[in-house]
Amino acid sequence: MNNDDRKAAVAAYKERTAVAGIYALRCAASGQVWVGHAPDLATIGNRLWFTLRTGTAPHRDLQAAWTAHGADSFSLETLERLEEEELPFARKALIRRRLAHWRDHLGAAAL
């Protein structure tokens, strides 16, 4: 990749819009579900897979399921995309409400 291509790729990355939302991580082998939120749904998968592969996931039950059942048993699903809120406190309240809704609806653990 030459310097101009690299600059164009970096500029395109910086200009993209991040879509926040609610996601579910499912273990098919155990039937467990974890629900969390991310400021950028496009990048949350990489973070989750990395922490699980390296054994550094902050949620012990999630890491234990990963260790017991392996990577092939897990899937990541986007549950809801959130619209951009102008006020940060309104966004936080919306995220809390939607997380509670999805956790209750799916009987899921928190991430």
PDB file of N, CA and C in Angstrom:
ATOM      1  N   MET A   1       0.864  -1.172   0.000  1.00  0.00           N
ATOM      2  CA  MET A   1       0.000   0.000   0.000  1.00  0.00           C
ATOM      3  C   MET A   1       0.906   1.229   0.000  1.00  0.00           C
ATOM      4  N   ASN A   2       0.687   2.100  -0.951  1.00  0.00           N
ATOM      5  CA  ASN A   2       1.521   3.298  -0.987  1.00  0.00           C
ATOM      6  C   ASN A   2       0.977   4.350  -0.019  1.00  0.00           C
ATOM      7  N   ASN A   3       1.717   5.405   0.135  1.00  0.00           N
ATOM      8  CA  ASN A   3       1.394   6.434   1.127  1.00  0.00           C
ATOM      9  C   ASN A   3       0.049   7.109   0.859  1.00  0.00           C
ATOM     10  N   ASP A   4      -0.275   7.378  -0.405  1.00  0.00           N
ATOM     11  CA  ASP A   4      -1.550   8.020  -0.743  1.00  0.00           C
ATOM     12  C   ASP A   4      -2.734   7.106  -0.427  1.00  0.00           C
ATOM     13  N   ASP A   5      -2.580   5.813  -0.735  1.00  0.00           N
ATOM     14  CA  ASP A   5      -3.643   4.853  -0.417  1.00  0.00           C
ATOM     15  C   ASP A   5      -3.863   4.767   1.083  1.00  0.00           C
ATOM     16  N   ARG A   6      -2.770   4.762   1.826  1.00  0.00           N
ATOM     17  CA  ARG A   6      -2.867   4.689   3.284  1.00  0.00           C
ATOM     18  C   ARG A   6      -3.587   5.919   3.837  1.00  0.00           C
ATOM     19  N   LYS A   7      -3.215   7.091   3.367  1.00  0.00           N
ATOM     20  CA  LYS A   7      -3.860   8.322   3.818  1.00  0.00           C
ATOM     21  C   LYS A   7      -5.353   8.313   3.496  1.00  0.00           C
ATOM     22  N   ALA A   8      -5.699   7.822   2.314  1.00  0.00           N
ATOM     23  CA  ALA A   8      -7.108   7.755   1.924  1.00  0.00           C
ATOM     24  C   ALA A   8      -7.867   6.777   2.815  1.00  0.00           C
ATOM     25  N   ALA A   9      -7.257   5.647   3.145  1.00  0.00           N
ATOM     26  CA  ALA A   9      -7.906   4.654   4.015  1.00  0.00           C
ATOM     27  C   ALA A   9      -8.110   5.216   5.416  1.00  0.00           C
ATOM     28  N   VAL A  10      -7.114   5.912   5.940  1.00  0.00           N
ATOM     29  CA  VAL A  10      -7.230   6.516   7.271  1.00  0.00           C
ATOM     30  C   VAL A  10      -8.320   7.582   7.273  1.00  0.00           C
ATOM     31  N   ALA A  11      -8.357   8.397   6.242  1.00  0.00           N
ATOM     32  CA  ALA A  11      -9.378   9.452   6.149  1.00  0.00           C
ATOM     33  C   ALA A  11     -10.777   8.847   6.070  1.00  0.00           C
ATOM     34  N   ALA A  12     -10.926   7.783   5.297  1.00  0.00           N
ATOM     35  CA  ALA A  12     -12.235   7.129   5.183  1.00  0.00           C
ATOM     36  C   ALA A  12     -12.662   6.541   6.522  1.00  0.00           C
ATOM     37  N   TYR A  13     -11.721   5.960   7.254  1.00  0.00           N
ATOM     38  CA  TYR A  13     -12.035   5.383   8.570  1.00  0.00           C
ATOM     39  C   TYR A  13     -12.498   6.477   9.531  1.00  0.00           C
ATOM     40  N   LYS A  14     -11.819   7.610   9.528  1.00  0.00           N
ATOM     41  CA  LYS A  14     -12.164   8.701  10.437  1.00  0.00           C
ATOM     42  C   LYS A  14     -13.515   9.328  10.097  1.00  0.00           C
ATOM     43  N   GLU A  15     -13.913   9.293   8.848  1.00  0.00           N
ATOM     44  CA  GLU A  15     -15.167   9.913   8.424  1.00  0.00           C
ATOM     45  C   GLU A  15     -16.390   9.012   8.600  1.00  0.00           C
ATOM     46  N   ARG A  16     -16.171   7.712   8.814  1.00  0.00           N
ATOM     47  CA  ARG A  16     -17.310   6.800   8.964  1.00  0.00           C
ATOM     48  C   ARG A  16     -18.085   7.141  10.236  1.00  0.00           C
ATOM     49  N   THR A  17     -19.344   6.831  10.230  1.00  0.00           N
ATOM     50  CA  THR A  17     -20.164   7.093  11.408  1.00  0.00           C
ATOM     51  C   THR A  17     -20.317   5.805  12.203  1.00  0.00           C
ATOM     52  N   ALA A  18     -20.087   5.931  13.483  1.00  0.00           N
ATOM     53  CA  ALA A  18     -20.225   4.783  14.377  1.00  0.00           C
ATOM     54  C   ALA A  18     -21.701   4.639  14.752  1.00  0.00           C
ATOM     55  N   VAL A  19     -22.197   3.420  14.707  1.00  0.00           N
ATOM     56  CA  VAL A  19     -23.583   3.143  15.059  1.00  0.00           C
ATOM     57  C   VAL A  19     -23.593   2.415  16.396  1.00  0.00           C
ATOM     58  N   ALA A  20     -24.175   3.055  17.385  1.00  0.00           N
ATOM     59  CA  ALA A  20     -24.286   2.450  18.709  1.00  0.00           C
ATOM     60  C   ALA A  20     -25.475   1.503  18.743  1.00  0.00           C
ATOM     61  N   GLY A  21     -25.436   0.566  19.683  1.00  0.00           N
ATOM     62  CA  GLY A  21     -26.572  -0.338  19.778  1.00  0.00           C
ATOM     63  C   GLY A  21     -26.434  -1.388  20.847  1.00  0.00           C
ATOM     64  N   ILE A  22     -27.395  -2.288  20.842  1.00  0.00           N
ATOM     65  CA  ILE A  22     -27.492  -3.387  21.794  1.00  0.00           C
ATOM     66  C   ILE A  22     -27.187  -4.679  21.030  1.00  0.00           C
ATOM     67  N   TYR A  23     -26.400  -5.557  21.644  1.00  0.00           N
ATOM     68  CA  TYR A  23     -26.051  -6.811  20.993  1.00  0.00           C
ATOM     69  C   TYR A  23     -26.226  -7.975  21.967  1.00  0.00           C
ATOM     70  N   ALA A  24     -26.303  -9.178  21.411  1.00  0.00           N
ATOM     71  CA  ALA A  24     -26.395 -10.398  22.209  1.00  0.00           C
ATOM     72  C   ALA A  24     -25.275 -11.332  21.790  1.00  0.00           C
ATOM     73  N   LEU A  25     -24.675 -11.951  22.770  1.00  0.00           N
ATOM     74  CA  LEU A  25     -23.673 -12.979  22.552  1.00  0.00           C
ATOM     75  C   LEU A  25     -24.287 -14.284  23.027  1.00  0.00           C
ATOM     76  N   ARG A  26     -24.385 -15.260  22.126  1.00  0.00           N
ATOM     77  CA  ARG A  26     -25.083 -16.513  22.434  1.00  0.00           C
ATOM     78  C   ARG A  26     -24.124 -17.697  22.388  1.00  0.00           C
ATOM     79  N   CYS A  27     -24.339 -18.622  23.323  1.00  0.00           N
ATOM     80  CA  CYS A  27     -23.614 -19.897  23.328  1.00  0.00           C
ATOM     81  C   CYS A  27     -24.631 -20.970  22.961  1.00  0.00           C
ATOM     82  N   ALA A  28     -24.492 -21.551  21.791  1.00  0.00           N
ATOM     83  CA  ALA A  28     -25.444 -22.559  21.319  1.00  0.00           C
ATOM     84  C   ALA A  28     -25.374 -23.831  22.154  1.00  0.00           C
ATOM     85  N   ALA A  29     -24.199 -24.179  22.633  1.00  0.00           N
ATOM     86  CA  ALA A  29     -24.034 -25.424  23.386  1.00  0.00           C
ATOM     87  C   ALA A  29     -24.730 -25.385  24.738  1.00  0.00           C
ATOM     88  N   SER A  30     -24.660 -24.250  25.431  1.00  0.00           N
ATOM     89  CA  SER A  30     -25.245 -24.158  26.772  1.00  0.00           C
ATOM     90  C   SER A  30     -26.584 -23.433  26.796  1.00  0.00           C
ATOM     91  N   GLY A  31     -26.892 -22.693  25.725  1.00  0.00           N
ATOM     92  CA  GLY A  31     -28.128 -21.921  25.685  1.00  0.00           C
ATOM     93  C   GLY A  31     -28.038 -20.600  26.428  1.00  0.00           C
ATOM     94  N   GLN A  32     -26.867 -20.258  26.921  1.00  0.00           N
ATOM     95  CA  GLN A  32     -26.697 -19.000  27.645  1.00  0.00           C
ATOM     96  C   GLN A  32     -26.673 -17.823  26.672  1.00  0.00           C
ATOM     97  N   VAL A  33     -27.155 -16.680  27.182  1.00  0.00           N
ATOM     98  CA  VAL A  33     -27.167 -15.448  26.389  1.00  0.00           C
ATOM     99  C   VAL A  33     -26.665 -14.314  27.270  1.00  0.00           C
ATOM    100  N   TRP A  34     -25.826 -13.473  26.708  1.00  0.00           N
ATOM    101  CA  TRP A  34     -25.361 -12.270  27.376  1.00  0.00           C
ATOM    102  C   TRP A  34     -25.738 -11.090  26.495  1.00  0.00           C
ATOM    103  N   VAL A  35     -26.195 -10.000  27.125  1.00  0.00           N
ATOM    104  CA  VAL A  35     -26.603  -8.806  26.385  1.00  0.00           C
ATOM    105  C   VAL A  35     -25.769  -7.627  26.867  1.00  0.00           C
ATOM    106  N   GLY A  36     -25.300  -6.835  25.900  1.00  0.00           N
ATOM    107  CA  GLY A  36     -24.512  -5.654  26.219  1.00  0.00           C
ATOM    108  C   GLY A  36     -24.776  -4.544  25.229  1.00  0.00           C
ATOM    109  N   HIS A  37     -24.117  -3.420  25.434  1.00  0.00           N
ATOM    110  CA  HIS A  37     -24.244  -2.299  24.503  1.00  0.00           C
ATOM    111  C   HIS A  37     -22.861  -1.863  24.062  1.00  0.00           C
ATOM    112  N   ALA A  38     -22.798  -1.241  22.905  1.00  0.00           N
ATOM    113  CA  ALA A  38     -21.525  -0.787  22.351  1.00  0.00           C
ATOM    114  C   ALA A  38     -21.709   0.557  21.659  1.00  0.00           C
ATOM    115  N   PRO A  39     -20.736   1.435  21.787  1.00  0.00           N
ATOM    116  CA  PRO A  39     -20.808   2.709  21.074  1.00  0.00           C
ATOM    117  C   PRO A  39     -20.596   2.539  19.568  1.00  0.00           C
ATOM    118  N   ASP A  40     -20.009   1.411  19.166  1.00  0.00           N
ATOM    119  CA  ASP A  40     -19.793   1.119  17.753  1.00  0.00           C
ATOM    120  C   ASP A  40     -19.994  -0.376  17.521  1.00  0.00           C
ATOM    121  N   LEU A  41     -21.136  -0.742  16.975  1.00  0.00           N
ATOM    122  CA  LEU A  41     -21.459  -2.153  16.766  1.00  0.00           C
ATOM    123  C   LEU A  41     -20.513  -2.839  15.788  1.00  0.00           C
ATOM    124  N   ALA A  42     -19.907  -2.076  14.905  1.00  0.00           N
ATOM    125  CA  ALA A  42     -19.012  -2.664  13.905  1.00  0.00           C
ATOM    126  C   ALA A  42     -17.723  -3.194  14.524  1.00  0.00           C
ATOM    127  N   THR A  43     -17.347  -2.711  15.698  1.00  0.00           N
ATOM    128  CA  THR A  43     -16.066  -3.103  16.288  1.00  0.00           C
ATOM    129  C   THR A  43     -16.198  -3.958  17.540  1.00  0.00           C
ATOM    130  N   ILE A  44     -17.375  -4.140  18.070  1.00  0.00           N
ATOM    131  CA  ILE A  44     -17.526  -4.864  19.332  1.00  0.00           C
ATOM    132  C   ILE A  44     -17.137  -6.330  19.194  1.00  0.00           C
ATOM    133  N   GLY A  45     -17.397  -6.928  18.065  1.00  0.00           N
ATOM    134  CA  GLY A  45     -17.060  -8.334  17.876  1.00  0.00           C
ATOM    135  C   GLY A  45     -15.577  -8.600  18.045  1.00  0.00           C
ATOM    136  N   ASN A  46     -14.739  -7.771  17.441  1.00  0.00           N
ATOM    137  CA  ASN A  46     -13.289  -7.955  17.565  1.00  0.00           C
ATOM    138  C   ASN A  46     -12.849  -7.886  19.020  1.00  0.00           C
ATOM    139  N   ARG A  47     -13.395  -6.942  19.775  1.00  0.00           N
ATOM    140  CA  ARG A  47     -13.019  -6.801  21.181  1.00  0.00           C
ATOM    141  C   ARG A  47     -13.434  -8.031  21.977  1.00  0.00           C
ATOM    142  N   LEU A  48     -14.673  -8.479  21.776  1.00  0.00           N
ATOM    143  CA  LEU A  48     -15.164  -9.645  22.517  1.00  0.00           C
ATOM    144  C   LEU A  48     -14.360 -10.897  22.192  1.00  0.00           C
ATOM    145  N   TRP A  49     -14.147 -11.174  20.901  1.00  0.00           N
ATOM    146  CA  TRP A  49     -13.410 -12.378  20.514  1.00  0.00           C
ATOM    147  C   TRP A  49     -11.984 -12.334  21.037  1.00  0.00           C
ATOM    148  N   PHE A  50     -11.360 -11.174  20.999  1.00  0.00           N
ATOM    149  CA  PHE A  50      -9.978 -11.062  21.491  1.00  0.00           C
ATOM    150  C   PHE A  50      -9.895 -11.361  22.984  1.00  0.00           C
ATOM    151  N   THR A  51     -10.765 -10.757  23.779  1.00  0.00           N
ATOM    152  CA  THR A  51     -10.700 -10.982  25.225  1.00  0.00           C
ATOM    153  C   THR A  51     -11.027 -12.434  25.578  1.00  0.00           C
ATOM    154  N   LEU A  52     -11.930 -13.039  24.850  1.00  0.00           N
ATOM    155  CA  LEU A  52     -12.257 -14.439  25.123  1.00  0.00           C
ATOM    156  C   LEU A  52     -11.115 -15.373  24.711  1.00  0.00           C
ATOM    157  N   ARG A  53     -10.518 -15.129  23.558  1.00  0.00           N
ATOM    158  CA  ARG A  53      -9.399 -15.967  23.107  1.00  0.00           C
ATOM    159  C   ARG A  53      -8.201 -15.881  24.047  1.00  0.00           C
ATOM    160  N   THR A  54      -7.961 -14.699  24.579  1.00  0.00           N
ATOM    161  CA  THR A  54      -6.802 -14.509  25.453  1.00  0.00           C
ATOM    162  C   THR A  54      -7.107 -14.835  26.908  1.00  0.00           C
ATOM    163  N   GLY A  55      -8.367 -15.153  27.216  1.00  0.00           N
ATOM    164  CA  GLY A  55      -8.731 -15.518  28.584  1.00  0.00           C
ATOM    165  C   GLY A  55      -8.853 -14.339  29.519  1.00  0.00           C
ATOM    166  N   THR A  56      -9.083 -13.152  28.968  1.00  0.00           N
ATOM    167  CA  THR A  56      -9.136 -11.943  29.786  1.00  0.00           C
ATOM    168  C   THR A  56     -10.515 -11.299  29.821  1.00  0.00           C
ATOM    169  N   ALA A  57     -11.536 -12.050  29.463  1.00  0.00           N
ATOM    170  CA  ALA A  57     -12.898 -11.489  29.495  1.00  0.00           C
ATOM    171  C   ALA A  57     -13.256 -11.151  30.938  1.00  0.00           C
ATOM    172  N   PRO A  58     -13.841  -9.988  31.187  1.00  0.00           N
ATOM    173  CA  PRO A  58     -14.144  -9.579  32.557  1.00  0.00           C
ATOM    174  C   PRO A  58     -15.328 -10.322  33.183  1.00  0.00           C
ATOM    175  N   HIS A  59     -16.060 -11.078  32.398  1.00  0.00           N
ATOM    176  CA  HIS A  59     -17.231 -11.795  32.913  1.00  0.00           C
ATOM    177  C   HIS A  59     -16.873 -13.271  33.045  1.00  0.00           C
ATOM    178  N   ARG A  60     -16.774 -13.739  34.265  1.00  0.00           N
ATOM    179  CA  ARG A  60     -16.291 -15.094  34.525  1.00  0.00           C
ATOM    180  C   ARG A  60     -17.180 -16.171  33.918  1.00  0.00           C
ATOM    181  N   ASP A  61     -18.497 -15.980  34.004  1.00  0.00           N
ATOM    182  CA  ASP A  61     -19.386 -17.008  33.449  1.00  0.00           C
ATOM    183  C   ASP A  61     -19.263 -17.086  31.931  1.00  0.00           C
ATOM    184  N   LEU A  62     -19.054 -15.960  31.282  1.00  0.00           N
ATOM    185  CA  LEU A  62     -18.850 -15.942  29.835  1.00  0.00           C
ATOM    186  C   LEU A  62     -17.533 -16.630  29.474  1.00  0.00           C
ATOM    187  N   GLN A  63     -16.475 -16.302  30.183  1.00  0.00           N
ATOM    188  CA  GLN A  63     -15.177 -16.915  29.911  1.00  0.00           C
ATOM    189  C   GLN A  63     -15.226 -18.416  30.181  1.00  0.00           C
ATOM    190  N   ALA A  64     -15.928 -18.826  31.223  1.00  0.00           N
ATOM    191  CA  ALA A  64     -16.049 -20.258  31.533  1.00  0.00           C
ATOM    192  C   ALA A  64     -16.798 -21.000  30.427  1.00  0.00           C
ATOM    193  N   ALA A  65     -17.849 -20.398  29.904  1.00  0.00           N
ATOM    194  CA  ALA A  65     -18.598 -21.024  28.807  1.00  0.00           C
ATOM    195  C   ALA A  65     -17.728 -21.117  27.561  1.00  0.00           C
ATOM    196  N   TRP A  66     -16.961 -20.089  27.280  1.00  0.00           N
ATOM    197  CA  TRP A  66     -16.055 -20.083  26.120  1.00  0.00           C
ATOM    198  C   TRP A  66     -15.018 -21.203  26.254  1.00  0.00           C
ATOM    199  N   THR A  67     -14.449 -21.321  27.445  1.00  0.00           N
ATOM    200  CA  THR A  67     -13.438 -22.338  27.685  1.00  0.00           C
ATOM    201  C   THR A  67     -14.039 -23.740  27.569  1.00  0.00           C
ATOM    202  N   ALA A  68     -15.232 -23.924  28.084  1.00  0.00           N
ATOM    203  CA  ALA A  68     -15.874 -25.236  28.077  1.00  0.00           C
ATOM    204  C   ALA A  68     -16.364 -25.654  26.688  1.00  0.00           C
ATOM    205  N   HIS A  69     -16.904 -24.706  25.908  1.00  0.00           N
ATOM    206  CA  HIS A  69     -17.573 -25.066  24.664  1.00  0.00           C
ATOM    207  C   HIS A  69     -16.835 -24.653  23.399  1.00  0.00           C
ATOM    208  N   GLY A  70     -15.906 -23.730  23.497  1.00  0.00           N
ATOM    209  CA  GLY A  70     -15.111 -23.320  22.345  1.00  0.00           C
ATOM    210  C   GLY A  70     -15.758 -22.239  21.501  1.00  0.00           C
ATOM    211  N   ALA A  71     -14.959 -21.677  20.627  1.00  0.00           N
ATOM    212  CA  ALA A  71     -15.363 -20.543  19.796  1.00  0.00           C
ATOM    213  C   ALA A  71     -16.504 -20.859  18.847  1.00  0.00           C
ATOM    214  N   ASP A  72     -16.561 -22.085  18.366  1.00  0.00           N
ATOM    215  CA  ASP A  72     -17.586 -22.451  17.382  1.00  0.00           C
ATOM    216  C   ASP A  72     -19.004 -22.432  17.958  1.00  0.00           C
ATOM    217  N   SER A  73     -19.123 -22.464  19.265  1.00  0.00           N
ATOM    218  CA  SER A  73     -20.447 -22.455  19.901  1.00  0.00           C
ATOM    219  C   SER A  73     -21.014 -21.047  20.063  1.00  0.00           C
ATOM    220  N   PHE A  74     -20.223 -20.027  19.799  1.00  0.00           N
ATOM    221  CA  PHE A  74     -20.640 -18.650  20.066  1.00  0.00           C
ATOM    222  C   PHE A  74     -21.007 -17.895  18.802  1.00  0.00           C
ATOM    223  N   SER A  75     -22.005 -17.022  18.961  1.00  0.00           N
ATOM    224  CA  SER A  75     -22.400 -16.139  17.865  1.00  0.00           C
ATOM    225  C   SER A  75     -22.745 -14.769  18.439  1.00  0.00           C
ATOM    226  N   LEU A  76     -22.526 -13.754  17.632  1.00  0.00           N
ATOM    227  CA  LEU A  76     -22.808 -12.369  18.008  1.00  0.00           C
ATOM    228  C   LEU A  76     -23.946 -11.868  17.139  1.00  0.00           C
ATOM    229  N   GLU A  77     -24.922 -11.240  17.770  1.00  0.00           N
ATOM    230  CA  GLU A  77     -26.115 -10.787  17.060  1.00  0.00           C
ATOM    231  C   GLU A  77     -26.438  -9.346  17.450  1.00  0.00           C
ATOM    232  N   THR A  78     -26.716  -8.512  16.476  1.00  0.00           N
ATOM    233  CA  THR A  78     -27.174  -7.152  16.755  1.00  0.00           C
ATOM    234  C   THR A  78     -28.665  -7.207  17.041  1.00  0.00           C
ATOM    235  N   LEU A  79     -29.053  -6.721  18.212  1.00  0.00           N
ATOM    236  CA  LEU A  79     -30.463  -6.720  18.594  1.00  0.00           C
ATOM    237  C   LEU A  79     -31.154  -5.420  18.211  1.00  0.00           C
ATOM    238  N   GLU A  80     -30.435  -4.322  18.367  1.00  0.00           N
ATOM    239  CA  GLU A  80     -31.059  -3.018  18.132  1.00  0.00           C
ATOM    240  C   GLU A  80     -29.995  -1.974  17.847  1.00  0.00           C
ATOM    241  N   ARG A  81     -30.248  -1.165  16.841  1.00  0.00           N
ATOM    242  CA  ARG A  81     -29.386  -0.013  16.543  1.00  0.00           C
ATOM    243  C   ARG A  81     -30.042   1.216  17.156  1.00  0.00           C
ATOM    244  N   LEU A  82     -29.243   2.050  17.808  1.00  0.00           N
ATOM    245  CA  LEU A  82     -29.781   3.220  18.493  1.00  0.00           C
ATOM    246  C   LEU A  82     -29.536   4.473  17.671  1.00  0.00           C
ATOM    247  N   GLU A  83     -30.561   5.293  17.609  1.00  0.00           N
ATOM    248  CA  GLU A  83     -30.446   6.573  16.917  1.00  0.00           C
ATOM    249  C   GLU A  83     -29.556   7.506  17.727  1.00  0.00           C
ATOM    250  N   GLU A  84     -28.913   8.410  17.038  1.00  0.00           N
ATOM    251  CA  GLU A  84     -28.030   9.377  17.692  1.00  0.00           C
ATOM    252  C   GLU A  84     -28.851  10.348  18.531  1.00  0.00           C
ATOM    253  N   GLU A  85     -28.503  10.459  19.787  1.00  0.00           N
ATOM    254  CA  GLU A  85     -29.169  11.404  20.692  1.00  0.00           C
ATOM    255  C   GLU A  85     -28.299  12.644  20.822  1.00  0.00           C
ATOM    256  N   GLU A  86     -28.933  13.800  20.907  1.00  0.00           N
ATOM    257  CA  GLU A  86     -28.171  15.030  21.038  1.00  0.00           C
ATOM    258  C   GLU A  86     -27.666  15.239  22.460  1.00  0.00           C
ATOM    259  N   LEU A  87     -28.405  14.775  23.441  1.00  0.00           N
ATOM    260  CA  LEU A  87     -28.033  14.975  24.830  1.00  0.00           C
ATOM    261  C   LEU A  87     -27.472  13.679  25.426  1.00  0.00           C
ATOM    262  N   PRO A  88     -26.274  13.742  25.987  1.00  0.00           N
ATOM    263  CA  PRO A  88     -25.649  12.526  26.519  1.00  0.00           C
ATOM    264  C   PRO A  88     -26.468  11.833  27.614  1.00  0.00           C
ATOM    265  N   PHE A  89     -27.100  12.601  28.489  1.00  0.00           N
ATOM    266  CA  PHE A  89     -27.871  11.966  29.565  1.00  0.00           C
ATOM    267  C   PHE A  89     -29.103  11.253  29.015  1.00  0.00           C
ATOM    268  N   ALA A  90     -29.677  11.766  27.941  1.00  0.00           N
ATOM    269  CA  ALA A  90     -30.824  11.099  27.319  1.00  0.00           C
ATOM    270  C   ALA A  90     -30.380   9.784  26.671  1.00  0.00           C
ATOM    271  N   ARG A  91     -29.211   9.783  26.084  1.00  0.00           N
ATOM    272  CA  ARG A  91     -28.671   8.579  25.463  1.00  0.00           C
ATOM    273  C   ARG A  91     -28.412   7.504  26.514  1.00  0.00           C
ATOM    274  N   LYS A  92     -27.829   7.890  27.642  1.00  0.00           N
ATOM    275  CA  LYS A  92     -27.551   6.925  28.711  1.00  0.00           C
ATOM    276  C   LYS A  92     -28.841   6.318  29.251  1.00  0.00           C
ATOM    277  N   ALA A  93     -29.850   7.141  29.422  1.00  0.00           N
ATOM    278  CA  ALA A  93     -31.138   6.640  29.920  1.00  0.00           C
ATOM    279  C   ALA A  93     -31.776   5.684  28.909  1.00  0.00           C
ATOM    280  N   LEU A  94     -31.694   6.017  27.633  1.00  0.00           N
ATOM    281  CA  LEU A  94     -32.232   5.156  26.587  1.00  0.00           C
ATOM    282  C   LEU A  94     -31.507   3.807  26.570  1.00  0.00           C
ATOM    283  N   ILE A  95     -30.188   3.834  26.669  1.00  0.00           N
ATOM    284  CA  ILE A  95     -29.410   2.592  26.678  1.00  0.00           C
ATOM    285  C   ILE A  95     -29.805   1.735  27.877  1.00  0.00           C
ATOM    286  N   ARG A  96     -29.932   2.326  29.052  1.00  0.00           N
ATOM    287  CA  ARG A  96     -30.322   1.565  30.246  1.00  0.00           C
ATOM    288  C   ARG A  96     -31.690   0.911  30.067  1.00  0.00           C
ATOM    289  N   ARG A  97     -32.644   1.649  29.523  1.00  0.00           N
ATOM    290  CA  ARG A  97     -33.987   1.099  29.312  1.00  0.00           C
ATOM    291  C   ARG A  97     -33.975  -0.047  28.310  1.00  0.00           C
ATOM    292  N   ARG A  98     -33.277   0.145  27.204  1.00  0.00           N
ATOM    293  CA  ARG A  98     -33.245  -0.877  26.157  1.00  0.00           C
ATOM    294  C   ARG A  98     -32.475  -2.122  26.607  1.00  0.00           C
ATOM    295  N   LEU A  99     -31.402  -1.937  27.363  1.00  0.00           N
ATOM    296  CA  LEU A  99     -30.671  -3.087  27.898  1.00  0.00           C
ATOM    297  C   LEU A  99     -31.563  -3.895  28.835  1.00  0.00           C
ATOM    298  N   ALA A 100     -32.261  -3.205  29.721  1.00  0.00           N
ATOM    299  CA  ALA A 100     -33.166  -3.902  30.652  1.00  0.00           C
ATOM    300  C   ALA A 100     -34.246  -4.659  29.884  1.00  0.00           C
ATOM    301  N   HIS A 101     -34.785  -4.034  28.852  1.00  0.00           N
ATOM    302  CA  HIS A 101     -35.807  -4.687  28.033  1.00  0.00           C
ATOM    303  C   HIS A 101     -35.266  -5.978  27.426  1.00  0.00           C
ATOM    304  N   TRP A 102     -34.116  -5.920  26.777  1.00  0.00           N
ATOM    305  CA  TRP A 102     -33.572  -7.095  26.095  1.00  0.00           C
ATOM    306  C   TRP A 102     -33.138  -8.174  27.081  1.00  0.00           C
ATOM    307  N   ARG A 103     -32.592  -7.779  28.214  1.00  0.00           N
ATOM    308  CA  ARG A 103     -32.194  -8.782  29.211  1.00  0.00           C
ATOM    309  C   ARG A 103     -33.420  -9.517  29.751  1.00  0.00           C
ATOM    310  N   ASP A 104     -34.482  -8.774  30.033  1.00  0.00           N
ATOM    311  CA  ASP A 104     -35.712  -9.407  30.505  1.00  0.00           C
ATOM    312  C   ASP A 104     -36.324 -10.288  29.412  1.00  0.00           C
ATOM    313  N   HIS A 105     -36.378  -9.766  28.209  1.00  0.00           N
ATOM    314  CA  HIS A 105     -36.990 -10.473  27.085  1.00  0.00           C
ATOM    315  C   HIS A 105     -36.267 -11.792  26.767  1.00  0.00           C
ATOM    316  N   LEU A 106     -34.929 -11.777  26.850  1.00  0.00           N
ATOM    317  CA  LEU A 106     -34.154 -12.962  26.493  1.00  0.00           C
ATOM    318  C   LEU A 106     -33.710 -13.790  27.697  1.00  0.00           C
ATOM    319  N   GLY A 107     -33.962 -13.271  28.901  1.00  0.00           N
ATOM    320  CA  GLY A 107     -33.491 -13.963  30.096  1.00  0.00           C
ATOM    321  C   GLY A 107     -31.973 -14.025  30.104  1.00  0.00           C
ATOM    322  N   ALA A 108     -31.349 -12.923  29.725  1.00  0.00           N
ATOM    323  CA  ALA A 108     -29.904 -12.888  29.508  1.00  0.00           C
ATOM    324  C   ALA A 108     -29.161 -12.271  30.680  1.00  0.00           C
ATOM    325  N   ALA A 109     -27.882 -12.570  30.736  1.00  0.00           N
ATOM    326  CA  ALA A 109     -26.976 -11.962  31.713  1.00  0.00           C
ATOM    327  C   ALA A 109     -26.414 -10.672  31.135  1.00  0.00           C
ATOM    328  N   ALA A 110     -25.909  -9.830  32.007  1.00  0.00           N
ATOM    329  CA  ALA A 110     -25.345  -8.545  31.578  1.00  0.00           C
ATOM    330  C   ALA A 110     -23.912  -8.708  31.113  1.00  0.00           C
ATOM    331  N   LEU A 111     -23.526  -7.880  30.166  1.00  0.00           N
ATOM    332  CA  LEU A 111     -22.130  -7.774  29.727  1.00  0.00           C
ATOM    333  C   LEU A 111     -21.621  -6.409  30.052  1.00  0.00           C
TER     334      LEU A 111
END
